[in-house]
C-alpha atoms as a PDB file:
ATOM      1  CA  TYR A   1     -28.115  -6.165  10.204  1.00  0.00           C
ATOM      2  CA  ARG A   2     -28.640  -9.753  11.325  1.00  0.00           C
ATOM      3  CA  ALA A   3     -26.600 -11.085   8.383  1.00  0.00           C
ATOM      4  CA  HIS A   4     -23.509  -8.994   9.113  1.00  0.00           C
ATOM      5  CA  TYR A   5     -23.498  -8.188  12.849  1.00  0.00           C
ATOM      6  CA  THR A   6     -23.010 -11.715  14.169  1.00  0.00           C
ATOM      7  CA  THR A   7     -20.546 -13.474  16.436  1.00  0.00           C
ATOM      8  CA  ALA A   8     -19.080 -15.290  13.400  1.00  0.00           C
ATOM      9  CA  SER A   9     -18.097 -12.000  11.775  1.00  0.00           C
ATOM     10  CA  SER A  10     -16.953 -10.175  14.922  1.00  0.00           C
ATOM     11  CA  LEU A  11     -13.509  -9.385  16.229  1.00  0.00           C
ATOM     12  CA  VAL A  12     -12.844  -8.131  19.739  1.00  0.00           C
ATOM     13  CA  VAL A  13      -9.637  -6.371  20.795  1.00  0.00           C
ATOM     14  CA  ILE A  14      -9.149  -5.581  24.466  1.00  0.00           C
ATOM     15  CA  ALA A  15      -6.282  -3.598  25.930  1.00  0.00           C
ATOM     16  CA  GLY A  16      -5.686  -2.305  29.410  1.00  0.00           C
ATOM     17  CA  ASP A  17      -5.765  -3.414  33.007  1.00  0.00           C
ATOM     18  CA  PHE A  18      -8.442  -6.097  33.413  1.00  0.00           C
ATOM     19  CA  GLN A  19      -8.949  -9.572  34.847  1.00  0.00           C
ATOM     20  CA  SER A  20      -8.887 -12.064  31.963  1.00  0.00           C
ATOM     21  CA  ARG A  21     -11.454 -14.510  33.379  1.00  0.00           C
ATOM     22  CA  ALA A  22     -13.886 -11.769  34.330  1.00  0.00           C
ATOM     23  CA  MET A  23     -13.539 -10.210  30.872  1.00  0.00           C
ATOM     24  CA  LEU A  24     -14.159 -13.559  29.160  1.00  0.00           C
ATOM     25  CA  ARG A  25     -17.311 -14.101  31.274  1.00  0.00           C
ATOM     26  CA  HIS A  26     -18.499 -10.591  30.341  1.00  0.00           C
ATOM     27  CA  LEU A  27     -17.864 -11.194  26.619  1.00  0.00           C
ATOM     28  CA  GLU A  28     -19.624 -14.556  26.694  1.00  0.00           C
ATOM     29  CA  ARG A  29     -22.672 -12.906  28.303  1.00  0.00           C
ATOM     30  CA  GLU A  30     -22.721 -10.070  25.749  1.00  0.00           C
ATOM     31  CA  PHE A  31     -22.112 -12.273  22.724  1.00  0.00           C
ATOM     32  CA  ARG A  32     -24.887 -14.680  23.754  1.00  0.00           C
ATOM     33  CA  ARG A  33     -27.357 -11.934  22.771  1.00  0.00           C
ATOM     34  CA  MET A  34     -25.958 -11.707  19.231  1.00  0.00           C
ATOM     35  CA  PRO A  35     -27.002 -14.130  16.490  1.00  0.00           C
ATOM     36  CA  LYS A  36     -24.289 -16.697  15.727  1.00  0.00           C
ATOM     37  CA  GLY A  37     -24.490 -16.259  11.989  1.00  0.00           C
ATOM     38  CA  LEU A  38     -22.476 -18.003   9.335  1.00  0.00           C
ATOM     39  CA  PRO A  39     -18.867 -17.277   8.516  1.00  0.00           C
ATOM     40  CA  ALA A  40     -18.597 -14.468   5.993  1.00  0.00           C
ATOM     41  CA  PRO A  41     -18.893 -15.815   2.447  1.00  0.00           C
ATOM     42  CA  HIS A  42     -15.873 -15.504   0.202  1.00  0.00           C
ATOM     43  CA  ARG A  43     -16.268 -12.361  -1.848  1.00  0.00           C
ATOM     44  CA  PRO A  44     -15.480 -12.405  -5.563  1.00  0.00           C
ATOM     45  CA  PRO A  45     -12.455 -10.355  -6.575  1.00  0.00           C
ATOM     46  CA  THR A  46     -12.941  -6.691  -7.296  1.00  0.00           C
ATOM     47  CA  VAL A  47     -13.154  -5.855 -10.988  1.00  0.00           C
ATOM     48  CA  LEU A  48     -10.366  -3.520 -12.025  1.00  0.00           C
ATOM     49  CA  TYR A  49      -9.945  -1.557 -15.210  1.00  0.00           C
ATOM     50  CA  PRO A  50      -7.313  -3.297 -17.362  1.00  0.00           C
ATOM     51  CA  GLU A  51      -6.719  -0.190 -19.475  1.00  0.00           C
ATOM     52  CA  ALA A  52      -4.858   2.868 -18.259  1.00  0.00           C
ATOM     53  CA  ARG A  53      -7.074   5.608 -16.888  1.00  0.00           C
ATOM     54  CA  ARG A  54      -6.343   9.180 -15.956  1.00  0.00           C
ATOM     55  CA  LEU A  55      -8.333  11.388 -13.641  1.00  0.00           C
ATOM     56  CA  GLU A  56      -7.422  15.013 -13.037  1.00  0.00           C
ATOM     57  CA  ALA A  57      -8.856  17.508 -10.610  1.00  0.00           C
ATOM     58  CA  LYS A  58      -7.749  20.931 -11.764  1.00  0.00           C
ATOM     59  CA  LYS A  59      -7.558  23.899  -9.425  1.00  0.00           C
ATOM     60  CA  SER A  60      -5.518  27.055  -9.440  1.00  0.00           C
ATOM     61  CA  VAL A  61      -2.670  25.800  -7.253  1.00  0.00           C
ATOM     62  CA  GLN A  62       1.117  25.837  -7.106  1.00  0.00           C
ATOM     63  CA  GLN A  63       1.540  22.346  -5.682  1.00  0.00           C
ATOM     64  CA  ALA A  64       0.462  19.144  -7.418  1.00  0.00           C
ATOM     65  CA  TYR A  65      -0.051  15.722  -5.912  1.00  0.00           C
ATOM     66  CA  ALA A  66      -0.052  12.657  -8.149  1.00  0.00           C
ATOM     67  CA  VAL A  67      -0.708   8.991  -7.528  1.00  0.00           C
ATOM     68  CA  TYR A  68       0.245   6.424 -10.138  1.00  0.00           C
ATOM     69  CA  GLY A  69      -1.447   3.107  -9.394  1.00  0.00           C
ATOM     70  CA  PHE A  70      -1.057  -0.382 -10.788  1.00  0.00           C
ATOM     71  CA  ALA A  71      -3.248  -3.417 -10.053  1.00  0.00           C
ATOM     72  CA  THR A  72      -1.563  -6.243  -8.155  1.00  0.00           C
ATOM     73  CA  PRO A  73      -2.619  -9.760  -7.122  1.00  0.00           C
ATOM     74  CA  PRO A  74      -4.481 -10.486  -3.857  1.00  0.00           C
ATOM     75  CA  ALA A  75      -2.661 -10.461  -0.495  1.00  0.00           C
ATOM     76  CA  GLU A  76      -2.067 -14.229  -0.399  1.00  0.00           C
ATOM     77  CA  HIS A  77      -0.282 -14.261  -3.794  1.00  0.00           C
ATOM     78  CA  ARG A  78       3.380 -15.318  -3.743  1.00  0.00           C
ATOM     79  CA  ASP A  79       4.507 -12.082  -5.453  1.00  0.00           C
ATOM     80  CA  GLN A  80       3.464  -9.833  -2.541  1.00  0.00           C
ATOM     81  CA  GLU A  81       6.815  -9.997  -0.752  1.00  0.00           C
ATOM     82  CA  GLY A  82       8.603  -9.062  -3.978  1.00  0.00           C
ATOM     83  CA  LEU A  83       6.212  -6.152  -4.507  1.00  0.00           C
ATOM     84  CA  ASP A  84       6.831  -4.959  -0.936  1.00  0.00           C
ATOM     85  CA  LEU A  85      10.563  -5.093  -1.617  1.00  0.00           C
ATOM     86  CA  MET A  86      10.097  -3.241  -4.926  1.00  0.00           C
ATOM     87  CA  ALA A  87       8.225  -0.443  -3.147  1.00  0.00           C
ATOM     88  CA  VAL A  88      11.226   0.060  -0.867  1.00  0.00           C
ATOM     89  CA  LEU A  89      13.690  -0.160  -3.780  1.00  0.00           C
ATOM     90  CA  LEU A  90      11.785   2.537  -5.643  1.00  0.00           C
ATOM     91  CA  GLY A  91      10.635   4.882  -2.931  1.00  0.00           C
ATOM     92  CA  ASP A  92      12.293   4.571   0.486  1.00  0.00           C
ATOM     93  CA  GLY A  93      15.397   6.580   1.287  1.00  0.00           C
ATOM     94  CA  ARG A  94      17.676   8.882  -0.702  1.00  0.00           C
ATOM     95  CA  ASN A  95      19.135   5.981  -2.694  1.00  0.00           C
ATOM     96  CA  ALA A  96      15.773   4.630  -3.822  1.00  0.00           C
ATOM     97  CA  ARG A  97      15.469   4.820  -7.588  1.00  0.00           C
ATOM     98  CA  LEU A  98      12.550   7.247  -7.791  1.00  0.00           C
ATOM     99  CA  VAL A  99      13.894   9.449  -4.995  1.00  0.00           C
ATOM    100  CA  GLU A 100      17.417   9.565  -6.387  1.00  0.00           C
ATOM    101  CA  SER A 101      16.309  10.281  -9.962  1.00  0.00           C
ATOM    102  CA  LEU A 102      13.338  12.621  -9.563  1.00  0.00           C
ATOM    103  CA  ARG A 103      14.185  14.415  -6.321  1.00  0.00           C
ATOM    104  CA  GLU A 104      17.948  14.313  -5.868  1.00  0.00           C
ATOM    105  CA  GLU A 105      19.175  14.483  -9.482  1.00  0.00           C
ATOM    106  CA  LYS A 106      16.439  16.159 -11.548  1.00  0.00           C
ATOM    107  CA  LYS A 107      14.860  18.231  -8.736  1.00  0.00           C
ATOM    108  CA  LEU A 108      11.388  17.575 -10.233  1.00  0.00           C
ATOM    109  CA  VAL A 109       9.588  16.596  -7.013  1.00  0.00           C
ATOM    110  CA  TRP A 110       9.513  17.670  -3.382  1.00  0.00           C
ATOM    111  CA  SER A 111       8.689  14.156  -2.278  1.00  0.00           C
ATOM    112  CA  ILE A 112       8.110  10.783  -3.891  1.00  0.00           C
ATOM    113  CA  GLY A 113       7.488   7.313  -2.544  1.00  0.00           C
ATOM    114  CA  ALA A 114       6.048   3.921  -3.384  1.00  0.00           C
ATOM    115  CA  SER A 115       3.813   1.499  -1.553  1.00  0.00           C
ATOM    116  CA  ASN A 116       2.398  -1.957  -2.156  1.00  0.00           C
ATOM    117  CA  ILE A 117      -1.142  -1.903  -0.784  1.00  0.00           C
ATOM    118  CA  THR A 118      -2.599  -5.378  -0.320  1.00  0.00           C
ATOM    119  CA  HIS A 119      -6.246  -6.370  -0.048  1.00  0.00           C
ATOM    120  CA  GLU A 120      -8.320  -9.520   0.066  1.00  0.00           C
ATOM    121  CA  GLY A 121      -9.008  -8.985  -3.616  1.00  0.00           C
ATOM    122  CA  PRO A 122      -6.645  -7.263  -6.022  1.00  0.00           C
ATOM    123  CA  GLY A 123      -4.244  -4.786  -4.468  1.00  0.00           C
ATOM    124  CA  ILE A 124      -2.556  -1.633  -5.704  1.00  0.00           C
ATOM    125  CA  PHE A 125       1.076  -0.762  -6.226  1.00  0.00           C
ATOM    126  CA  ALA A 126       1.165   3.019  -5.900  1.00  0.00           C
ATOM    127  CA  ILE A 127       3.687   5.769  -6.477  1.00  0.00           C
ATOM    128  CA  PHE A 128       2.942   9.059  -4.708  1.00  0.00           C
ATOM    129  CA  ALA A 129       4.569  12.361  -5.663  1.00  0.00           C
ATOM    130  CA  GLU A 130       4.333  16.021  -4.645  1.00  0.00           C
ATOM    131  CA  PHE A 131       5.740  18.655  -6.978  1.00  0.00           C
ATOM    132  CA  ASP A 132       5.358  22.087  -8.544  1.00  0.00           C
ATOM    133  CA  VAL A 133       2.358  21.946 -10.855  1.00  0.00           C
ATOM    134  CA  LYS A 134       4.445  23.192 -13.800  1.00  0.00           C
ATOM    135  CA  ASN A 135       6.447  19.912 -13.638  1.00  0.00           C
ATOM    136  CA  ARG A 136       3.386  17.674 -14.027  1.00  0.00           C
ATOM    137  CA  GLU A 137       4.237  16.209 -17.444  1.00  0.00           C
ATOM    138  CA  LYS A 138       7.962  15.969 -16.702  1.00  0.00           C
ATOM    139  CA  VAL A 139       7.241  14.045 -13.516  1.00  0.00           C
ATOM    140  CA  ALA A 140       4.937  11.594 -15.302  1.00  0.00           C
ATOM    141  CA  ARG A 141       7.549  10.948 -17.997  1.00  0.00           C
ATOM    142  CA  ALA A 142      10.336  10.582 -15.419  1.00  0.00           C
ATOM    143  CA  VAL A 143       8.318   8.051 -13.365  1.00  0.00           C
ATOM    144  CA  GLN A 144       7.663   6.039 -16.534  1.00  0.00           C
ATOM    145  CA  ALA A 145      11.366   6.169 -17.425  1.00  0.00           C
ATOM    146  CA  VAL A 146      12.426   4.825 -14.018  1.00  0.00           C
ATOM    147  CA  LEU A 147       9.882   1.992 -14.291  1.00  0.00           C
ATOM    148  CA  ARG A 148      10.965   1.149 -17.860  1.00  0.00           C
ATOM    149  CA  ASP A 149      14.593   1.156 -16.719  1.00  0.00           C
ATOM    150  CA  LEU A 150      13.816  -1.708 -14.312  1.00  0.00           C
ATOM    151  CA  ARG A 151      13.509  -4.050 -17.300  1.00  0.00           C
ATOM    152  CA  THR A 152      16.991  -3.395 -18.607  1.00  0.00           C
ATOM    153  CA  HIS A 153      18.641  -2.624 -15.256  1.00  0.00           C
ATOM    154  CA  PRO A 154      17.161  -4.908 -12.597  1.00  0.00           C
ATOM    155  CA  PRO A 155      17.979  -4.172  -8.961  1.00  0.00           C
ATOM    156  CA  THR A 156      21.531  -4.948  -7.920  1.00  0.00           C
ATOM    157  CA  ILE A 157      22.388  -7.150  -4.953  1.00  0.00           C
ATOM    158  CA  GLU A 158      23.380  -3.987  -3.068  1.00  0.00           C
ATOM    159  CA  GLU A 159      19.966  -2.399  -3.745  1.00  0.00           C
ATOM    160  CA  ILE A 160      18.151  -5.559  -2.677  1.00  0.00           C
ATOM    161  CA  ASN A 161      20.196  -5.860   0.525  1.00  0.00           C
ATOM    162  CA  ARG A 162      19.603  -2.152   1.334  1.00  0.00           C
ATOM    163  CA  ALA A 163      15.860  -2.616   0.817  1.00  0.00           C
ATOM    164  CA  LYS A 164      15.759  -5.781   2.929  1.00  0.00           C
ATOM    165  CA  ASN A 165      17.657  -4.019   5.705  1.00  0.00           C
ATOM    166  CA  MET A 166      15.234  -1.064   5.579  1.00  0.00           C
ATOM    167  CA  MET A 167      12.249  -3.427   5.746  1.00  0.00           C
ATOM    168  CA  GLN A 168      13.683  -5.358   8.688  1.00  0.00           C
ATOM    169  CA  THR A 169      14.545  -2.136  10.518  1.00  0.00           C
ATOM    170  CA  SER A 170      10.985  -0.835  10.019  1.00  0.00           C
ATOM    171  CA  TRP A 171       9.594  -3.987  11.657  1.00  0.00           C
ATOM    172  CA  LEU A 172      11.595  -3.226  14.801  1.00  0.00           C
ATOM    173  CA  GLN A 173      10.007   0.180  15.297  1.00  0.00           C
END
């Protein structure tokens, strides 16, 4: 308790109608009671499994939900912006590669998207899909095909500009 609940490892967010100076005096009084502590030590990176793994939870259902995840570098890595852009290229909007191929053309999924999830340690690039359970294997193969296709058919300037525009628009909301 004393190692983790300290002023050095605390963050305070205050919103609403209040007097700034009075609030600062109140916080100073309250925080004086807490041990100062040391800044949180740097944690070693999380160990990830380098080999592919598959986990299935089987139930008698009509709808399936799949997540395909790939390890990515930590949040401060220079590739994070490119991975964010790739998530939009693959999974945001009707023209995104996964959406266009699996939902619009092949009608294999009800929904599909991609996200680059960053962490202090390694992150995760994830593809999420919802579909009829009978399409499970077809969906997995189709996702792999779209990802393989990126090697031989990299994103066009039009795709990149569309993705950048979508990202910038999302920041305005």
